[in-house]
N, C-alpha and C. Protein backbone atom coordinates (compact mmCIF):
# COMPACT_ATOMS: atom_id res chain seq x y z
N MET A 1 0.83 -1.17 0.00
CA MET A 1 0.00 0.00 0.00
C MET A 1 0.88 1.24 0.00
N LEU A 2 0.57 2.20 -0.81
CA LEU A 2 1.29 3.47 -0.85
C LEU A 2 0.44 4.54 -0.19
N TRP A 3 1.08 5.42 0.56
CA TRP A 3 0.37 6.54 1.14
C TRP A 3 1.20 7.79 1.01
N PHE A 4 0.52 8.89 0.84
CA PHE A 4 1.19 10.18 0.75
C PHE A 4 0.31 11.22 1.40
N ARG A 5 0.91 12.05 2.17
CA ARG A 5 0.26 13.22 2.71
C ARG A 5 1.34 14.16 3.17
N ALA A 6 0.97 15.36 3.48
CA ALA A 6 1.93 16.37 3.91
C ALA A 6 1.54 16.83 5.32
N PRO A 7 2.41 17.58 5.97
CA PRO A 7 2.05 18.09 7.30
C PRO A 7 0.74 18.87 7.22
N GLN A 8 0.12 19.02 8.36
CA GLN A 8 -1.13 19.76 8.39
C GLN A 8 -0.95 21.18 7.89
N LYS A 9 0.20 21.77 8.18
CA LYS A 9 0.42 23.15 7.79
C LYS A 9 1.91 23.38 7.53
N VAL A 10 2.22 24.12 6.47
CA VAL A 10 3.59 24.49 6.16
C VAL A 10 3.67 26.01 6.12
N TYR A 11 4.54 26.57 6.94
CA TYR A 11 4.82 28.00 6.88
C TYR A 11 6.08 28.18 6.05
N PHE A 12 6.01 29.02 5.03
CA PHE A 12 7.17 29.27 4.17
C PHE A 12 7.24 30.76 3.91
N LYS A 13 8.06 31.44 4.69
CA LYS A 13 8.20 32.89 4.52
C LYS A 13 9.37 33.36 5.38
N LYS A 14 10.08 34.34 4.90
CA LYS A 14 11.17 34.92 5.67
C LYS A 14 10.62 35.50 6.97
N GLY A 15 11.20 35.06 8.08
CA GLY A 15 10.79 35.58 9.38
C GLY A 15 9.53 34.94 9.95
N CYS A 16 9.08 33.85 9.40
CA CYS A 16 7.80 33.25 9.83
C CYS A 16 7.88 32.43 11.11
N MET A 17 9.09 32.08 11.56
CA MET A 17 9.20 31.15 12.68
C MET A 17 8.44 31.61 13.93
N PRO A 18 8.58 32.85 14.40
CA PRO A 18 7.86 33.22 15.63
C PRO A 18 6.34 33.11 15.49
N VAL A 19 5.81 33.54 14.36
CA VAL A 19 4.36 33.46 14.14
C VAL A 19 3.92 32.01 14.09
N ALA A 20 4.67 31.18 13.39
CA ALA A 20 4.31 29.77 13.28
C ALA A 20 4.34 29.08 14.65
N LEU A 21 5.30 29.42 15.48
CA LEU A 21 5.39 28.78 16.79
C LEU A 21 4.23 29.17 17.71
N ASP A 22 3.55 30.28 17.42
CA ASP A 22 2.36 30.64 18.20
C ASP A 22 1.35 29.51 18.21
N GLU A 23 1.31 28.73 17.13
CA GLU A 23 0.34 27.65 17.02
C GLU A 23 0.52 26.57 18.09
N LEU A 24 1.73 26.43 18.61
CA LEU A 24 1.96 25.41 19.64
C LEU A 24 1.04 25.62 20.83
N GLY A 25 0.89 26.87 21.24
CA GLY A 25 0.05 27.15 22.40
C GLY A 25 -1.40 27.40 22.04
N THR A 26 -1.65 28.12 20.95
CA THR A 26 -3.01 28.52 20.63
C THR A 26 -3.81 27.44 19.92
N VAL A 27 -3.24 26.81 18.91
CA VAL A 27 -3.97 25.81 18.13
C VAL A 27 -3.74 24.40 18.66
N MET A 28 -2.48 24.09 18.94
CA MET A 28 -2.15 22.73 19.33
C MET A 28 -2.28 22.49 20.84
N GLY A 29 -2.32 23.53 21.63
CA GLY A 29 -2.49 23.39 23.07
C GLY A 29 -1.36 22.66 23.78
N LYS A 30 -0.15 22.83 23.32
CA LYS A 30 1.00 22.11 23.90
C LYS A 30 1.49 22.79 25.18
N LYS A 31 2.00 21.97 26.09
CA LYS A 31 2.48 22.46 27.39
C LYS A 31 3.97 22.18 27.63
N LYS A 32 4.51 21.12 26.98
CA LYS A 32 5.92 20.74 27.18
C LYS A 32 6.52 20.31 25.84
N CYS A 33 7.55 20.99 25.42
CA CYS A 33 8.20 20.69 24.14
C CYS A 33 9.64 20.22 24.35
N PHE A 34 10.00 19.23 23.59
CA PHE A 34 11.35 18.67 23.61
C PHE A 34 12.02 19.09 22.31
N ILE A 35 13.04 19.92 22.39
CA ILE A 35 13.74 20.43 21.21
C ILE A 35 14.89 19.49 20.86
N VAL A 36 14.96 19.09 19.59
CA VAL A 36 16.06 18.26 19.09
C VAL A 36 16.81 19.08 18.06
N THR A 37 18.12 19.16 18.21
CA THR A 37 18.95 19.91 17.27
C THR A 37 20.35 19.31 17.28
N ASP A 38 21.30 19.99 16.64
CA ASP A 38 22.68 19.51 16.68
C ASP A 38 23.54 20.49 17.47
N THR A 39 24.75 20.07 17.76
CA THR A 39 25.64 20.88 18.59
C THR A 39 25.93 22.23 17.97
N PHE A 40 26.16 22.28 16.65
CA PHE A 40 26.47 23.55 15.98
C PHE A 40 25.34 24.55 16.16
N LEU A 41 24.11 24.15 15.86
CA LEU A 41 22.98 25.07 15.96
C LEU A 41 22.74 25.50 17.41
N TYR A 42 22.93 24.56 18.33
CA TYR A 42 22.75 24.89 19.74
C TYR A 42 23.79 25.90 20.22
N LYS A 43 25.06 25.61 19.96
CA LYS A 43 26.14 26.47 20.45
C LYS A 43 26.19 27.83 19.75
N ASN A 44 25.60 27.93 18.56
CA ASN A 44 25.63 29.20 17.83
C ASN A 44 24.33 30.00 17.96
N GLY A 45 23.51 29.65 18.94
CA GLY A 45 22.36 30.48 19.30
C GLY A 45 21.09 30.31 18.50
N TYR A 46 21.01 29.32 17.64
CA TYR A 46 19.81 29.15 16.82
C TYR A 46 18.61 28.65 17.62
N VAL A 47 18.87 28.03 18.75
CA VAL A 47 17.79 27.51 19.59
C VAL A 47 17.20 28.61 20.46
N ALA A 48 17.98 29.63 20.78
CA ALA A 48 17.55 30.68 21.71
C ALA A 48 16.22 31.35 21.31
N PRO A 49 16.01 31.72 20.04
CA PRO A 49 14.71 32.34 19.70
C PRO A 49 13.52 31.39 19.91
N ILE A 50 13.75 30.11 19.71
CA ILE A 50 12.69 29.14 19.94
C ILE A 50 12.39 29.05 21.43
N GLU A 51 13.44 28.99 22.25
CA GLU A 51 13.25 28.93 23.69
C GLU A 51 12.56 30.19 24.21
N GLU A 52 12.95 31.35 23.69
CA GLU A 52 12.31 32.61 24.09
C GLU A 52 10.83 32.60 23.75
N LYS A 53 10.49 32.13 22.57
CA LYS A 53 9.09 32.08 22.16
C LYS A 53 8.31 31.10 23.03
N LEU A 54 8.89 29.95 23.32
CA LEU A 54 8.22 28.99 24.19
C LEU A 54 8.01 29.56 25.59
N ASP A 55 9.00 30.31 26.10
CA ASP A 55 8.85 30.97 27.39
C ASP A 55 7.68 31.96 27.36
N GLN A 56 7.58 32.74 26.27
CA GLN A 56 6.47 33.70 26.13
C GLN A 56 5.12 33.00 26.13
N LEU A 57 5.08 31.81 25.54
CA LEU A 57 3.84 31.05 25.45
C LEU A 57 3.55 30.24 26.72
N GLY A 58 4.49 30.25 27.66
CA GLY A 58 4.31 29.48 28.89
C GLY A 58 4.46 27.98 28.69
N ILE A 59 5.25 27.60 27.69
CA ILE A 59 5.47 26.19 27.38
C ILE A 59 6.83 25.76 27.93
N GLN A 60 6.83 24.73 28.79
CA GLN A 60 8.08 24.20 29.32
C GLN A 60 8.87 23.56 28.18
N HIS A 61 10.19 23.56 28.31
CA HIS A 61 11.01 22.99 27.25
C HIS A 61 12.37 22.56 27.76
N THR A 62 12.95 21.65 27.01
CA THR A 62 14.33 21.24 27.23
C THR A 62 14.92 20.96 25.85
N CYS A 63 16.24 20.88 25.78
CA CYS A 63 16.90 20.72 24.48
C CYS A 63 17.87 19.54 24.50
N PHE A 64 17.78 18.73 23.47
CA PHE A 64 18.70 17.62 23.24
C PHE A 64 19.48 17.95 21.98
N TYR A 65 20.81 18.03 22.08
CA TYR A 65 21.61 18.41 20.91
C TYR A 65 22.74 17.43 20.62
N ASP A 66 22.59 16.21 21.07
CA ASP A 66 23.60 15.18 20.85
C ASP A 66 23.23 14.33 19.63
N VAL A 67 23.02 15.00 18.49
CA VAL A 67 22.65 14.31 17.25
C VAL A 67 23.87 14.22 16.35
N ALA A 68 24.23 13.02 15.97
CA ALA A 68 25.37 12.80 15.06
C ALA A 68 25.01 13.29 13.66
N PRO A 69 25.99 13.75 12.88
CA PRO A 69 25.71 14.21 11.51
C PRO A 69 25.03 13.16 10.63
N ASP A 70 25.34 11.92 10.81
CA ASP A 70 24.66 10.82 10.13
C ASP A 70 24.06 10.01 11.27
N PRO A 71 22.78 10.26 11.64
CA PRO A 71 22.29 9.75 12.92
C PRO A 71 22.47 8.24 13.08
N ASN A 72 22.94 7.89 14.26
CA ASN A 72 23.16 6.49 14.56
C ASN A 72 22.24 6.04 15.68
N LEU A 73 22.22 4.77 15.90
CA LEU A 73 21.36 4.15 16.90
C LEU A 73 21.56 4.80 18.27
N SER A 74 22.79 5.08 18.63
CA SER A 74 23.09 5.65 19.94
C SER A 74 22.42 7.01 20.12
N SER A 75 22.52 7.90 19.12
CA SER A 75 21.89 9.22 19.20
C SER A 75 20.38 9.10 19.39
N ALA A 76 19.75 8.25 18.59
CA ALA A 76 18.30 8.10 18.65
C ALA A 76 17.85 7.55 20.00
N LEU A 77 18.59 6.60 20.52
CA LEU A 77 18.21 6.02 21.81
C LEU A 77 18.43 6.99 22.96
N LYS A 78 19.50 7.78 22.90
CA LYS A 78 19.72 8.82 23.93
C LYS A 78 18.59 9.83 23.89
N GLY A 79 18.19 10.22 22.69
CA GLY A 79 17.07 11.16 22.55
C GLY A 79 15.78 10.58 23.10
N ALA A 80 15.50 9.33 22.79
CA ALA A 80 14.28 8.68 23.28
C ALA A 80 14.27 8.60 24.81
N GLN A 81 15.40 8.25 25.38
CA GLN A 81 15.49 8.16 26.84
C GLN A 81 15.26 9.53 27.49
N ALA A 82 15.86 10.57 26.93
CA ALA A 82 15.66 11.92 27.46
C ALA A 82 14.20 12.35 27.32
N MET A 83 13.55 11.96 26.23
CA MET A 83 12.13 12.27 26.04
C MET A 83 11.28 11.58 27.10
N ARG A 84 11.56 10.32 27.36
CA ARG A 84 10.79 9.58 28.37
C ARG A 84 10.91 10.25 29.74
N LEU A 85 12.11 10.73 30.06
CA LEU A 85 12.32 11.38 31.36
C LEU A 85 11.61 12.74 31.44
N PHE A 86 11.62 13.50 30.36
CA PHE A 86 11.02 14.84 30.35
C PHE A 86 9.50 14.79 30.18
N GLU A 87 8.99 13.77 29.51
CA GLU A 87 7.56 13.58 29.24
C GLU A 87 6.92 14.75 28.49
N PRO A 88 7.45 15.07 27.29
CA PRO A 88 6.88 16.18 26.51
C PRO A 88 5.58 15.77 25.83
N ASP A 89 4.84 16.77 25.38
CA ASP A 89 3.66 16.47 24.56
C ASP A 89 3.90 16.81 23.10
N CYS A 90 5.11 17.26 22.77
CA CYS A 90 5.50 17.43 21.37
C CYS A 90 7.01 17.57 21.25
N ILE A 91 7.48 17.41 20.02
CA ILE A 91 8.90 17.54 19.70
C ILE A 91 9.05 18.68 18.70
N ILE A 92 10.09 19.48 18.88
CA ILE A 92 10.47 20.48 17.88
C ILE A 92 11.84 20.06 17.35
N ALA A 93 11.93 19.78 16.06
CA ALA A 93 13.21 19.44 15.45
C ALA A 93 13.71 20.66 14.69
N LEU A 94 14.89 21.14 15.03
CA LEU A 94 15.52 22.28 14.38
C LEU A 94 16.80 21.81 13.72
N GLY A 95 16.83 21.79 12.39
CA GLY A 95 18.05 21.37 11.71
C GLY A 95 17.78 20.81 10.34
N GLY A 96 18.71 20.01 9.88
CA GLY A 96 18.61 19.37 8.58
C GLY A 96 18.09 17.96 8.71
N GLY A 97 18.34 17.17 7.68
CA GLY A 97 17.82 15.81 7.63
C GLY A 97 18.23 14.93 8.79
N SER A 98 19.46 15.04 9.24
CA SER A 98 19.92 14.19 10.35
C SER A 98 19.14 14.47 11.63
N VAL A 99 18.95 15.74 11.93
CA VAL A 99 18.20 16.13 13.12
C VAL A 99 16.75 15.65 13.01
N MET A 100 16.15 15.88 11.84
CA MET A 100 14.75 15.46 11.64
C MET A 100 14.61 13.94 11.79
N ASP A 101 15.53 13.19 11.18
CA ASP A 101 15.48 11.74 11.27
C ASP A 101 15.61 11.28 12.72
N CYS A 102 16.55 11.84 13.43
CA CYS A 102 16.77 11.47 14.83
C CYS A 102 15.53 11.82 15.67
N ALA A 103 14.95 12.98 15.44
CA ALA A 103 13.76 13.39 16.20
C ALA A 103 12.60 12.43 15.95
N LYS A 104 12.39 12.06 14.69
CA LYS A 104 11.28 11.15 14.36
C LYS A 104 11.48 9.78 15.01
N ILE A 105 12.68 9.25 14.89
CA ILE A 105 12.95 7.91 15.43
C ILE A 105 12.95 7.93 16.96
N SER A 106 13.51 8.97 17.55
CA SER A 106 13.46 9.10 19.02
C SER A 106 12.02 9.23 19.50
N GLY A 107 11.21 9.98 18.76
CA GLY A 107 9.80 10.14 19.12
C GLY A 107 9.03 8.84 19.06
N LEU A 108 9.37 8.00 18.10
CA LEU A 108 8.75 6.67 18.03
C LEU A 108 9.17 5.80 19.21
N MET A 109 10.45 5.83 19.52
CA MET A 109 10.95 4.97 20.60
C MET A 109 10.57 5.48 21.99
N ALA A 110 10.26 6.77 22.10
CA ALA A 110 9.84 7.31 23.40
C ALA A 110 8.45 6.78 23.77
N THR A 111 7.67 6.36 22.79
CA THR A 111 6.30 5.91 23.04
C THR A 111 6.10 4.41 22.84
N ASN A 112 7.13 3.71 22.40
CA ASN A 112 7.01 2.28 22.12
C ASN A 112 8.01 1.48 22.94
N PRO A 113 7.62 0.27 23.39
CA PRO A 113 8.52 -0.56 24.19
C PRO A 113 9.55 -1.27 23.33
N GLY A 114 10.54 -1.83 24.00
CA GLY A 114 11.53 -2.66 23.30
C GLY A 114 12.68 -1.86 22.74
N GLU A 115 13.39 -2.50 21.83
CA GLU A 115 14.56 -1.91 21.18
C GLU A 115 14.19 -1.44 19.78
N LEU A 116 14.84 -0.42 19.30
CA LEU A 116 14.56 0.12 17.97
C LEU A 116 14.66 -0.97 16.90
N TRP A 117 15.69 -1.78 16.99
CA TRP A 117 15.91 -2.77 15.92
C TRP A 117 14.80 -3.83 15.88
N ASP A 118 14.00 -3.93 16.95
CA ASP A 118 12.83 -4.81 16.93
C ASP A 118 11.85 -4.38 15.83
N TYR A 119 11.83 -3.07 15.52
CA TYR A 119 10.85 -2.50 14.60
C TYR A 119 11.36 -2.33 13.16
N VAL A 120 12.63 -2.56 12.96
CA VAL A 120 13.20 -2.42 11.61
C VAL A 120 12.62 -3.52 10.73
N GLN A 121 12.17 -3.15 9.54
CA GLN A 121 11.47 -4.08 8.66
C GLN A 121 12.38 -4.86 7.72
N GLY A 122 13.64 -4.52 7.64
CA GLY A 122 14.56 -5.21 6.75
C GLY A 122 15.81 -5.67 7.47
N GLY A 123 16.71 -6.30 6.73
CA GLY A 123 18.00 -6.74 7.27
C GLY A 123 17.83 -7.59 8.52
N THR A 124 18.56 -7.23 9.56
CA THR A 124 18.53 -8.00 10.80
C THR A 124 17.41 -7.55 11.74
N GLY A 125 16.54 -6.66 11.27
CA GLY A 125 15.45 -6.14 12.10
C GLY A 125 14.43 -7.20 12.49
N GLY A 126 13.70 -6.91 13.57
CA GLY A 126 12.71 -7.84 14.09
C GLY A 126 11.35 -7.77 13.41
N ARG A 127 11.15 -6.77 12.54
CA ARG A 127 9.92 -6.63 11.75
C ARG A 127 8.65 -6.52 12.59
N ARG A 128 8.79 -6.01 13.78
CA ARG A 128 7.65 -5.80 14.68
C ARG A 128 6.92 -4.52 14.28
N ALA A 129 5.62 -4.48 14.45
CA ALA A 129 4.84 -3.27 14.16
C ALA A 129 4.86 -2.37 15.39
N PHE A 130 4.92 -1.06 15.17
CA PHE A 130 4.86 -0.11 16.28
C PHE A 130 3.49 -0.22 16.95
N GLU A 131 3.48 -0.21 18.27
CA GLU A 131 2.23 -0.32 19.03
C GLU A 131 1.56 1.03 19.23
N HIS A 132 2.37 2.12 19.26
CA HIS A 132 1.84 3.45 19.58
C HIS A 132 2.36 4.47 18.58
N ASP A 133 1.58 5.53 18.38
CA ASP A 133 2.02 6.64 17.55
C ASP A 133 3.17 7.36 18.24
N PRO A 134 4.02 8.01 17.46
CA PRO A 134 5.09 8.80 18.06
C PRO A 134 4.55 10.10 18.64
N LEU A 135 5.40 10.80 19.35
CA LEU A 135 5.05 12.14 19.81
C LEU A 135 4.87 13.06 18.60
N PRO A 136 3.95 14.02 18.67
CA PRO A 136 3.75 14.95 17.55
C PRO A 136 5.02 15.77 17.31
N LEU A 137 5.28 16.05 16.04
CA LEU A 137 6.52 16.72 15.63
C LEU A 137 6.26 18.04 14.93
N VAL A 138 7.03 19.05 15.30
CA VAL A 138 7.10 20.32 14.58
C VAL A 138 8.49 20.35 13.96
N ALA A 139 8.56 20.50 12.65
CA ALA A 139 9.85 20.46 11.95
C ALA A 139 10.24 21.84 11.46
N ILE A 140 11.40 22.31 11.91
CA ILE A 140 11.93 23.61 11.47
C ILE A 140 13.23 23.32 10.73
N THR A 141 13.19 23.45 9.43
CA THR A 141 14.36 23.08 8.63
C THR A 141 15.36 24.23 8.51
N THR A 142 16.63 23.87 8.51
CA THR A 142 17.70 24.85 8.30
C THR A 142 18.47 24.56 7.02
N THR A 143 18.02 23.55 6.28
CA THR A 143 18.68 23.19 5.02
C THR A 143 17.62 23.03 3.94
N ALA A 144 18.06 23.04 2.72
CA ALA A 144 17.15 22.80 1.60
C ALA A 144 17.59 21.52 0.90
N GLY A 145 16.63 20.67 0.59
CA GLY A 145 16.98 19.50 -0.19
C GLY A 145 16.58 18.17 0.36
N THR A 146 16.57 17.99 1.69
CA THR A 146 16.24 16.66 2.20
C THR A 146 14.75 16.39 2.17
N GLY A 147 13.94 17.40 2.37
CA GLY A 147 12.49 17.21 2.42
C GLY A 147 12.03 16.57 3.71
N SER A 148 12.90 16.41 4.68
CA SER A 148 12.55 15.73 5.93
C SER A 148 11.49 16.47 6.73
N GLU A 149 11.31 17.75 6.46
CA GLU A 149 10.30 18.51 7.19
C GLU A 149 8.88 18.17 6.74
N VAL A 150 8.74 17.41 5.65
CA VAL A 150 7.41 17.05 5.15
C VAL A 150 7.25 15.56 4.87
N ASP A 151 8.13 14.71 5.40
CA ASP A 151 7.95 13.27 5.17
C ASP A 151 7.83 12.51 6.49
N ALA A 152 7.51 11.24 6.41
CA ALA A 152 7.22 10.44 7.60
C ALA A 152 8.29 9.41 7.91
N GLY A 153 9.46 9.57 7.35
CA GLY A 153 10.50 8.57 7.57
C GLY A 153 11.79 9.15 8.07
N GLY A 154 12.64 8.26 8.53
CA GLY A 154 13.96 8.64 8.98
C GLY A 154 14.94 7.53 8.66
N VAL A 155 16.20 7.89 8.54
CA VAL A 155 17.25 6.92 8.26
C VAL A 155 18.15 6.85 9.49
N ILE A 156 18.53 5.63 9.85
CA ILE A 156 19.36 5.43 11.04
C ILE A 156 20.44 4.39 10.73
N THR A 157 21.61 4.58 11.32
CA THR A 157 22.72 3.65 11.14
C THR A 157 22.95 2.87 12.42
N ASN A 158 23.14 1.57 12.27
CA ASN A 158 23.47 0.70 13.39
C ASN A 158 24.90 0.22 13.17
N PRO A 159 25.88 0.82 13.84
CA PRO A 159 27.27 0.42 13.64
C PRO A 159 27.54 -1.04 13.99
N GLU A 160 26.80 -1.58 14.95
CA GLU A 160 27.01 -2.96 15.38
C GLU A 160 26.68 -3.97 14.27
N THR A 161 25.57 -3.72 13.56
CA THR A 161 25.17 -4.65 12.49
C THR A 161 25.65 -4.16 11.12
N ARG A 162 26.25 -2.96 11.09
CA ARG A 162 26.75 -2.34 9.85
C ARG A 162 25.61 -2.16 8.83
N GLU A 163 24.46 -1.69 9.34
CA GLU A 163 23.30 -1.45 8.49
C GLU A 163 22.85 0.01 8.59
N LYS A 164 22.37 0.53 7.49
CA LYS A 164 21.75 1.85 7.44
C LYS A 164 20.36 1.62 6.86
N VAL A 165 19.33 1.90 7.66
CA VAL A 165 17.97 1.56 7.25
C VAL A 165 17.03 2.75 7.40
N GLY A 166 15.95 2.68 6.67
CA GLY A 166 14.88 3.66 6.80
C GLY A 166 13.80 3.12 7.71
N ILE A 167 13.26 4.00 8.53
CA ILE A 167 12.16 3.65 9.41
C ILE A 167 11.08 4.70 9.22
N GLY A 168 9.86 4.27 9.04
CA GLY A 168 8.78 5.21 8.85
C GLY A 168 7.52 4.81 9.58
N HIS A 169 6.67 5.79 9.76
CA HIS A 169 5.37 5.59 10.41
C HIS A 169 4.51 6.78 10.03
N PRO A 170 3.24 6.55 9.70
CA PRO A 170 2.38 7.69 9.33
C PRO A 170 2.33 8.78 10.40
N GLY A 171 2.48 8.42 11.66
CA GLY A 171 2.48 9.40 12.74
C GLY A 171 3.71 10.28 12.78
N CYS A 172 4.73 9.96 11.97
CA CYS A 172 5.95 10.76 11.94
C CYS A 172 5.84 11.97 11.01
N PHE A 173 4.75 12.06 10.24
CA PHE A 173 4.58 13.28 9.45
C PHE A 173 4.51 14.45 10.42
N PRO A 174 5.31 15.50 10.20
CA PRO A 174 5.23 16.66 11.08
C PRO A 174 3.83 17.27 11.07
N LYS A 175 3.39 17.71 12.22
CA LYS A 175 2.10 18.38 12.33
C LYS A 175 2.19 19.80 11.81
N LEU A 176 3.41 20.34 11.85
CA LEU A 176 3.67 21.70 11.41
C LEU A 176 5.09 21.73 10.86
N ALA A 177 5.26 22.30 9.67
CA ALA A 177 6.59 22.46 9.08
C ALA A 177 6.86 23.96 8.93
N ILE A 178 8.04 24.37 9.34
CA ILE A 178 8.43 25.78 9.25
C ILE A 178 9.67 25.88 8.37
N VAL A 179 9.52 26.60 7.27
CA VAL A 179 10.62 26.81 6.33
C VAL A 179 10.86 28.31 6.30
N ASP A 180 11.80 28.77 7.12
CA ASP A 180 12.10 30.19 7.25
C ASP A 180 13.48 30.45 6.64
N PRO A 181 13.53 31.12 5.47
CA PRO A 181 14.82 31.34 4.81
C PRO A 181 15.85 32.08 5.68
N GLU A 182 15.42 32.78 6.73
CA GLU A 182 16.38 33.43 7.62
C GLU A 182 17.24 32.42 8.35
N LEU A 183 16.75 31.18 8.47
CA LEU A 183 17.53 30.14 9.15
C LEU A 183 18.55 29.54 8.24
């Protein structure tokens, strides 16, 4: 079976990020957001405007920035564990394809039992079906070309089995995509 759909809403305009993030509190009713990004974006202040906006909206937040450039099993599992501890009601992914992939896969594993490789459908994977939808995702892209801000899949590398696989779930489609050329 083939399926295609896009996020519920895509904002595409220079400077649109603050306006788009208003939807987290007003339309989506979110109270706790888990931000996923990479070390470069975090250390160079790209997360600060998001945190400021969340503070204005009264939304609690924390940031995970331990995402490898080519996301691996370890990054995704660390993200999932941090999500379980924080108990967010949504994820904000800020970055390129690697960050988006890690956020989607971490969001799936934060809500599902077992090991990630239990759910991989190919190679050495266990071919198990996900029991629960992932946490809702807001995707803020900083790159052009991957399309990860509007798709439902992610790619992950398992160094132990020497496999790089795609993992997808209809619930991984971002609820909101923000494409702000200022980023």
